[in-house]
Protein backbone atom coordinates (compact mmCIF):
# COMPACT_ATOMS: atom_id res chain seq x y z
CA MET A 1 58.87 -0.28 86.43
CA LYS A 2 54.95 -1.82 87.46
CA LYS A 3 55.32 -4.94 89.47
CA SER A 4 53.08 -7.75 90.79
CA ILE A 5 54.03 -10.35 93.55
CA MET A 6 52.01 -13.57 93.83
CA ILE A 7 52.05 -15.92 96.80
CA LEU A 8 52.56 -19.20 95.59
CA ALA A 9 51.37 -21.81 97.75
CA GLY A 10 53.59 -23.27 100.08
CA GLY A 11 54.47 -19.82 101.07
CA LEU A 12 56.92 -19.04 97.93
CA ILE A 13 56.52 -15.51 96.38
CA LEU A 14 57.20 -14.68 92.73
CA ILE A 15 57.64 -10.69 91.00
CA THR A 16 57.04 -10.22 88.07
CA ALA A 17 58.25 -7.29 86.16
CA CYS A 18 56.76 -5.24 83.16
CA ASN A 19 58.77 -3.33 81.53
CA LYS A 20 55.88 -0.51 80.43
CA ASP A 21 53.87 1.27 82.32
CA GLU A 22 50.62 2.51 80.72
CA GLY A 23 50.83 5.49 79.68
CA GLU A 24 54.82 5.25 80.27
CA VAL A 25 57.21 6.66 77.77
CA VAL A 26 59.75 3.94 76.80
CA PRO A 27 63.69 6.11 75.83
CA LEU A 28 64.37 7.04 72.21
CA THR A 29 67.71 5.05 70.82
CA GLU A 30 69.95 7.43 69.87
CA GLN A 31 69.47 6.73 65.56
CA GLU A 32 65.45 7.87 66.61
CA LYS A 33 65.92 10.76 67.77
CA THR A 34 68.72 11.89 65.16
CA ASP A 35 65.97 10.46 62.69
CA LEU A 36 63.06 12.35 63.92
CA ARG A 37 65.00 15.84 64.82
CA PHE A 38 65.79 15.67 61.01
CA LEU A 39 62.72 14.75 59.49
CA ARG A 40 61.32 17.57 61.70
CA GLU A 41 63.32 20.02 59.24
CA GLU A 42 62.91 18.01 56.17
CA GLU A 43 59.67 18.41 56.40
CA LYS A 44 59.93 21.90 56.79
CA LEU A 45 62.56 22.16 53.38
CA ALA A 46 59.11 21.04 51.64
CA ARG A 47 56.58 23.04 53.71
CA ASP A 48 59.32 26.04 52.65
CA VAL A 49 59.97 25.24 48.93
CA TYR A 50 56.18 25.32 48.58
CA VAL A 51 56.05 28.54 49.90
CA TYR A 52 58.47 29.56 47.97
CA SER A 53 56.96 27.85 44.72
CA TYR A 54 53.43 29.02 45.78
CA ASN A 55 54.29 32.84 46.03
CA LYS A 56 56.04 32.87 42.54
CA TYR A 57 53.78 31.27 40.31
CA GLY A 58 49.94 30.94 42.24
CA GLN A 59 49.70 27.20 41.76
CA SER A 60 47.45 25.79 44.12
CA ILE A 61 49.17 22.70 43.55
CA PHE A 62 51.88 23.97 45.80
CA ASN A 63 49.51 26.20 48.68
CA ASN A 64 47.23 23.31 49.17
CA ILE A 65 50.60 20.71 49.18
CA SER A 66 52.51 23.57 51.77
CA ASN A 67 49.70 23.30 54.48
CA SER A 68 50.00 19.98 54.16
CA GLU A 69 53.66 19.88 54.82
CA GLN A 70 52.54 22.12 57.72
CA SER A 71 50.54 19.27 59.38
CA HIS A 72 53.62 16.70 59.16
CA MET A 73 55.94 19.36 60.52
CA ASN A 74 53.34 19.33 63.68
CA SER A 75 53.05 15.50 63.48
CA VAL A 76 57.16 15.35 64.35
CA LEU A 77 56.71 18.72 66.71
CA ASN A 78 54.21 16.19 68.65
CA LEU A 79 56.77 13.55 69.33
CA LEU A 80 59.43 15.51 69.59
CA ASN A 81 57.48 17.03 72.73
CA ASN A 82 56.27 13.18 73.76
CA TYR A 83 60.30 12.27 73.99
CA GLY A 84 60.87 15.70 75.77
CA LEU A 85 63.12 16.43 72.20
CA THR A 86 64.63 20.01 71.28
CA ASP A 87 62.85 21.02 68.34
CA PRO A 88 65.40 21.88 66.20
CA VAL A 89 63.29 24.49 64.34
CA ILE A 90 64.66 27.64 66.54
CA ASN A 91 63.33 30.10 63.54
CA ASP A 92 60.72 28.72 61.59
CA ALA A 93 61.57 31.08 59.18
CA TYR A 94 60.87 30.08 55.87
CA GLY A 95 64.10 29.00 54.68
CA VAL A 96 66.22 29.04 57.69
CA PHE A 97 67.19 25.67 58.61
CA SER A 98 69.40 24.65 61.33
CA ASN A 99 70.77 21.64 59.63
CA SER A 100 73.55 22.92 57.18
CA GLU A 101 72.55 19.70 54.96
CA LEU A 102 69.07 20.96 54.09
CA GLN A 103 69.75 24.24 54.17
CA THR A 104 71.80 24.18 50.89
CA LEU A 105 69.55 21.82 49.59
CA TYR A 106 67.15 24.52 49.95
CA ASN A 107 69.42 27.11 48.31
CA GLU A 108 69.22 24.96 45.35
CA LEU A 109 66.05 23.39 45.27
CA THR A 110 64.41 27.19 45.35
CA ILE A 111 67.03 28.45 42.24
CA LYS A 112 66.15 25.15 40.82
CA SER A 113 62.10 26.24 40.94
CA ASP A 114 62.53 29.40 40.16
CA SER A 115 63.62 29.18 36.43
CA SER A 116 60.48 27.37 35.21
CA LEU A 117 56.90 26.31 36.64
CA ASN A 118 57.71 23.36 35.15
CA LYS A 119 61.21 23.40 37.31
CA ALA A 120 59.76 24.08 39.71
CA LEU A 121 56.61 21.06 40.15
CA GLU A 122 60.18 18.86 39.29
CA VAL A 123 61.27 19.82 42.67
CA GLY A 124 57.87 19.13 44.33
CA ALA A 125 58.17 15.46 42.99
CA ASN A 126 62.16 14.95 43.13
CA ILE A 127 60.70 16.39 47.29
CA GLU A 128 58.23 14.56 47.81
CA ASP A 129 60.88 11.24 46.09
CA LEU A 130 63.15 11.94 48.96
CA ASP A 131 60.55 11.81 51.58
CA ILE A 132 59.66 8.55 50.98
CA ASN A 133 63.53 7.54 50.99
CA ASP A 134 64.22 8.93 54.13
CA ILE A 135 61.05 7.47 55.97
CA ASP A 136 61.46 4.11 54.70
CA ILE A 137 64.95 4.48 56.42
CA PHE A 138 63.90 5.89 59.12
CA LYS A 139 61.46 3.05 59.78
CA LYS A 140 63.82 0.49 59.57
CA HIS A 141 65.81 1.89 62.69
CA THR A 142 62.50 1.73 64.93
CA THR A 143 59.89 -0.96 66.47
CA ASN A 144 58.77 2.32 68.40
CA ILE A 145 54.97 2.08 67.27
CA ASP A 146 54.09 5.96 68.00
CA LEU A 147 56.99 6.25 65.60
CA ILE A 148 56.03 3.86 62.51
CA ASN A 149 52.57 5.65 63.16
CA VAL A 150 53.66 9.19 62.57
CA TYR A 151 56.30 7.33 59.49
CA ASP A 152 53.42 5.73 58.07
CA ASN A 153 50.88 8.89 58.17
CA LEU A 154 53.92 10.77 56.17
CA SER A 155 55.20 8.47 54.11
CA CYS A 156 50.71 8.02 52.83
CA GLY A 157 50.92 11.74 52.86
CA SER A 158 54.27 12.03 50.30
CA ARG A 159 53.08 9.47 47.99
CA ASN A 160 49.51 11.47 47.28
CA HIS A 161 51.85 14.55 46.86
CA LEU A 162 54.35 12.43 44.11
CA ARG A 163 50.82 11.45 42.74
CA SER A 164 49.94 15.12 42.40
CA PHE A 165 53.32 16.28 41.56
CA VAL A 166 53.20 13.85 38.82
CA GLY A 167 49.97 14.35 37.33
CA GLN A 168 51.33 17.66 36.06
CA LEU A 169 54.44 17.21 34.91
CA GLY A 170 53.10 14.11 32.97
CA SER A 171 56.73 12.10 33.98
CA TYR A 172 59.26 11.95 36.20
CA THR A 173 62.44 9.20 36.55
CA PRO A 174 62.78 9.02 40.88
CA VAL A 175 66.11 9.66 41.81
CA TYR A 176 65.64 8.17 45.36
CA ILE A 177 63.35 5.24 45.58
CA SER A 178 63.95 2.46 42.46
CA GLN A 179 61.81 2.33 39.69
CA THR A 180 59.64 -0.21 40.99
CA GLU A 181 58.19 1.60 43.93
CA TYR A 182 57.58 4.83 41.71
CA ASP A 183 55.99 2.47 39.65
CA ALA A 184 53.46 0.77 42.19
CA ILE A 185 52.91 4.40 43.79
CA ILE A 186 51.81 6.06 40.77
CA ASN A 187 50.10 3.49 39.01
CA SER A 188 47.53 3.25 42.39
CA SER A 189 45.36 5.81 43.89
CA ASN A 190 44.90 8.30 46.28
CA GLU A 191 45.02 6.60 49.73
CA GLN A 192 43.80 8.04 53.05
CA CYS A 193 46.00 8.45 55.44
CA GLY A 194 45.67 8.23 58.93
CA GLN A 195 42.85 5.98 59.28
């Protein structure tokens, strides 16, 4: 904590303190830590499912977006490292998760993706729909600007990915975000994220 000492008229001494020194890392709440760990593996889920679909169908949309998801994983890992948190991705092999909920979801989504290219595209839209919803929830749990900046960037990417999948599908009914939010995303142009 940074302290300033000022001597006032009459010899009074005033000591002031600032909560955050420049470069000082403010500790995260338990909820913020939980959200970051979950998001790290949720971005891995997206990457891994898209790699699976690319290997099956050879469509560039899956390869391009899986590369973007790797960047998203790296962004969350940077936050984990900056705040001294353990990375939940113990094994970065495709389809392997520490979180049992995400492991189950990966298994379900790859089975669905395996049935047809159209189903794989639908799964892609579904994953991005879920990501946007979850990030919106995580943003409500924090006032930390480091986290908010990363969340905004990831959400922007997910909106672009959703537009891409729906562009291939022709139509999609949102499961996690509202129809109003979905319509606003689909009826707007791709965004420049992280700027």
